[in-house]
Amino acid sequence: MSDSDASGEHEQDDSGKQPGVESRPVSAAARRERRASARPAGKSEARPGSTRPSGKAGDKVAKPADAKGAPTPKRDRKAKKASVFARFTRFIREVWAELRKVIWPNRKQMVTYTAVVLVFVVFMVALVSGLDLGFKELIGLVFG
């Protein structure tokens, strides 16, 4: 065993690359070539054209000739409504299901959010009070 093997270093050839280890492709063309070589034999480089629509974007789809003159069929029966109790129960179940999806804040977040709201409310009260007093004095000077 040599000194370089004991220190954990690996042998390198003259180009600075490790033997048996492929380097990453540098250019986009090299990446595409590497991907193409990694594909299974049955897969082609381009996607099959059969998945795309054959017509142009502005082409209209032809409708059957007999559908144009036929009237829309009317519904004779209306769907029977469930009872008020059943609808209310379903509503409560759906609300409960939606509430289970909510990501609730933890205690630290709640304290932070509450403090932010309280500071904002105090600021707005002070702003409105200051404007009110200012306008009161201004009106007193003008009409006083």
Protein backbone atom coordinates (compact mmCIF):
# COMPACT_ATOMS: atom_id res chain seq x y z
CA MET A 1 0.00 0.00 0.00
CA SER A 2 1.43 3.40 -0.95
CA ASP A 3 1.37 6.58 1.09
CA SER A 4 -1.28 8.18 -1.12
CA ASP A 5 -3.59 5.18 -0.68
CA ALA A 6 -3.27 5.33 3.08
CA SER A 7 -4.16 9.02 3.19
CA GLY A 8 -7.42 8.41 1.36
CA GLU A 9 -6.39 10.06 -1.90
CA HIS A 10 -7.39 8.37 -5.14
CA GLU A 11 -5.23 7.98 -8.18
CA GLN A 12 -5.82 10.42 -11.03
CA ASP A 13 -4.74 10.28 -14.64
CA ASP A 14 -2.94 13.09 -16.50
CA SER A 15 -6.16 15.04 -17.24
CA GLY A 16 -6.94 15.46 -13.53
CA LYS A 17 -9.99 13.17 -13.68
CA GLN A 18 -10.44 10.11 -11.54
CA PRO A 19 -10.39 6.86 -13.51
CA GLY A 20 -13.81 5.24 -13.92
CA VAL A 21 -15.75 8.35 -12.82
CA GLU A 22 -17.66 10.29 -15.48
CA SER A 23 -17.59 14.04 -15.24
CA ARG A 24 -20.71 16.18 -15.48
CA PRO A 25 -21.52 17.53 -18.93
CA VAL A 26 -20.55 21.16 -19.29
CA SER A 27 -22.68 22.28 -22.24
CA ALA A 28 -26.39 21.88 -22.90
CA ALA A 29 -25.66 19.80 -25.99
CA ALA A 30 -23.53 17.43 -23.94
CA ARG A 31 -26.32 17.09 -21.36
CA ARG A 32 -28.86 16.27 -24.08
CA GLU A 33 -26.51 13.70 -25.56
CA ARG A 34 -25.97 12.11 -22.17
CA ARG A 35 -29.71 11.97 -21.51
CA ALA A 36 -30.33 10.43 -24.92
CA SER A 37 -27.76 7.73 -24.27
CA ALA A 38 -29.36 6.97 -20.90
CA ARG A 39 -32.86 6.45 -22.41
CA PRO A 40 -34.20 2.95 -22.99
CA ALA A 41 -33.99 1.72 -26.57
CA GLY A 42 -37.74 2.04 -27.23
CA LYS A 43 -37.94 5.72 -26.31
CA SER A 44 -37.24 8.36 -28.95
CA GLU A 45 -35.73 11.76 -28.31
CA ALA A 46 -38.81 13.72 -29.38
CA ARG A 47 -42.22 13.10 -27.91
CA PRO A 48 -44.65 11.28 -30.13
CA GLY A 49 -46.69 13.63 -32.33
CA SER A 50 -49.89 11.66 -31.74
CA THR A 51 -50.42 13.34 -28.37
CA ARG A 52 -50.81 16.76 -29.99
CA PRO A 53 -54.00 17.86 -31.70
CA SER A 54 -53.87 17.55 -35.45
CA GLY A 55 -55.73 20.76 -36.35
CA LYS A 56 -54.75 24.37 -35.98
CA ALA A 57 -55.77 26.36 -32.91
CA GLY A 58 -58.42 28.31 -34.85
CA ASP A 59 -60.12 25.26 -36.42
CA LYS A 60 -63.65 24.55 -35.26
CA VAL A 61 -64.67 21.05 -34.27
CA ALA A 62 -67.43 19.74 -36.50
CA LYS A 63 -70.68 18.92 -34.68
CA PRO A 64 -73.06 16.20 -35.75
CA ALA A 65 -75.72 17.47 -38.15
CA ASP A 66 -78.67 16.02 -36.19
CA ALA A 67 -77.70 17.80 -32.91
CA LYS A 68 -78.28 21.28 -34.30
CA GLY A 69 -82.05 21.19 -34.77
CA ALA A 70 -82.96 19.01 -31.77
CA PRO A 71 -84.44 20.83 -28.74
CA THR A 72 -82.90 20.44 -25.35
CA PRO A 73 -84.74 17.74 -23.39
CA LYS A 74 -86.64 19.00 -20.35
CA ARG A 75 -86.42 17.47 -16.95
CA ASP A 76 -89.76 16.52 -15.56
CA ARG A 77 -88.66 15.56 -12.05
CA LYS A 78 -86.82 17.78 -9.62
CA ALA A 79 -84.29 16.23 -7.29
CA LYS A 80 -85.76 15.66 -3.86
CA LYS A 81 -84.19 17.92 -1.20
CA ALA A 82 -82.87 16.39 1.95
CA SER A 83 -84.38 17.44 5.25
CA VAL A 84 -83.17 20.54 7.06
CA PHE A 85 -81.58 18.37 9.74
CA ALA A 86 -79.70 16.26 7.16
CA ARG A 87 -78.45 19.36 5.32
CA PHE A 88 -77.32 20.98 8.58
CA THR A 89 -75.52 17.77 9.63
CA ARG A 90 -73.76 17.58 6.26
CA PHE A 91 -72.75 21.24 6.58
CA ILE A 92 -71.25 20.65 10.03
CA ARG A 93 -69.35 17.57 8.78
CA GLU A 94 -67.89 19.55 5.86
CA VAL A 95 -66.89 22.44 8.12
CA TRP A 96 -65.20 20.02 10.50
CA ALA A 97 -63.33 18.40 7.59
CA GLU A 98 -62.09 21.79 6.39
CA LEU A 99 -60.98 22.78 9.89
CA ARG A 100 -58.87 19.62 10.10
CA LYS A 101 -56.98 20.78 6.98
CA VAL A 102 -56.00 24.10 8.59
CA ILE A 103 -52.43 24.50 9.79
CA TRP A 104 -52.96 26.10 13.18
CA PRO A 105 -50.34 28.49 14.60
CA ASN A 106 -48.36 27.44 17.65
CA ARG A 107 -48.29 29.41 20.91
CA LYS A 108 -45.28 31.55 19.96
CA GLN A 109 -46.85 32.54 16.64
CA MET A 110 -50.14 33.41 18.35
CA VAL A 111 -48.38 35.67 20.86
CA THR A 112 -46.50 37.39 18.03
CA TYR A 113 -49.62 37.87 15.90
CA THR A 114 -51.60 39.17 18.88
CA ALA A 115 -48.87 41.67 19.78
CA VAL A 116 -48.70 42.91 16.18
CA VAL A 117 -52.47 43.41 16.05
CA LEU A 118 -52.56 45.23 19.41
CA VAL A 119 -49.70 47.56 18.42
CA PHE A 120 -51.44 48.34 15.13
CA VAL A 121 -54.76 49.04 16.89
CA VAL A 122 -53.05 51.36 19.42
CA PHE A 123 -51.31 53.20 16.55
CA MET A 124 -54.57 53.64 14.63
CA VAL A 125 -56.43 54.87 17.75
CA ALA A 126 -53.67 57.41 18.39
CA LEU A 127 -53.71 58.53 14.74
CA VAL A 128 -57.49 58.98 14.60
CA SER A 129 -57.53 60.72 18.02
CA GLY A 130 -54.76 63.10 16.94
CA LEU A 131 -56.54 63.93 13.68
CA ASP A 132 -59.80 64.46 15.58
CA LEU A 133 -58.18 66.86 18.06
CA GLY A 134 -56.36 68.66 15.23
CA PHE A 135 -59.54 69.13 13.21
CA LYS A 136 -61.38 70.26 16.37
CA GLU A 137 -58.80 72.99 16.98
CA LEU A 138 -58.81 73.97 13.30
CA ILE A 139 -62.61 74.28 13.25
CA GLY A 140 -62.44 76.26 16.51
CA LEU A 141 -60.00 78.74 14.97
CA VAL A 142 -61.95 79.10 11.71
CA PHE A 143 -65.46 79.38 13.15
CA GLY A 144 -64.66 80.21 16.77
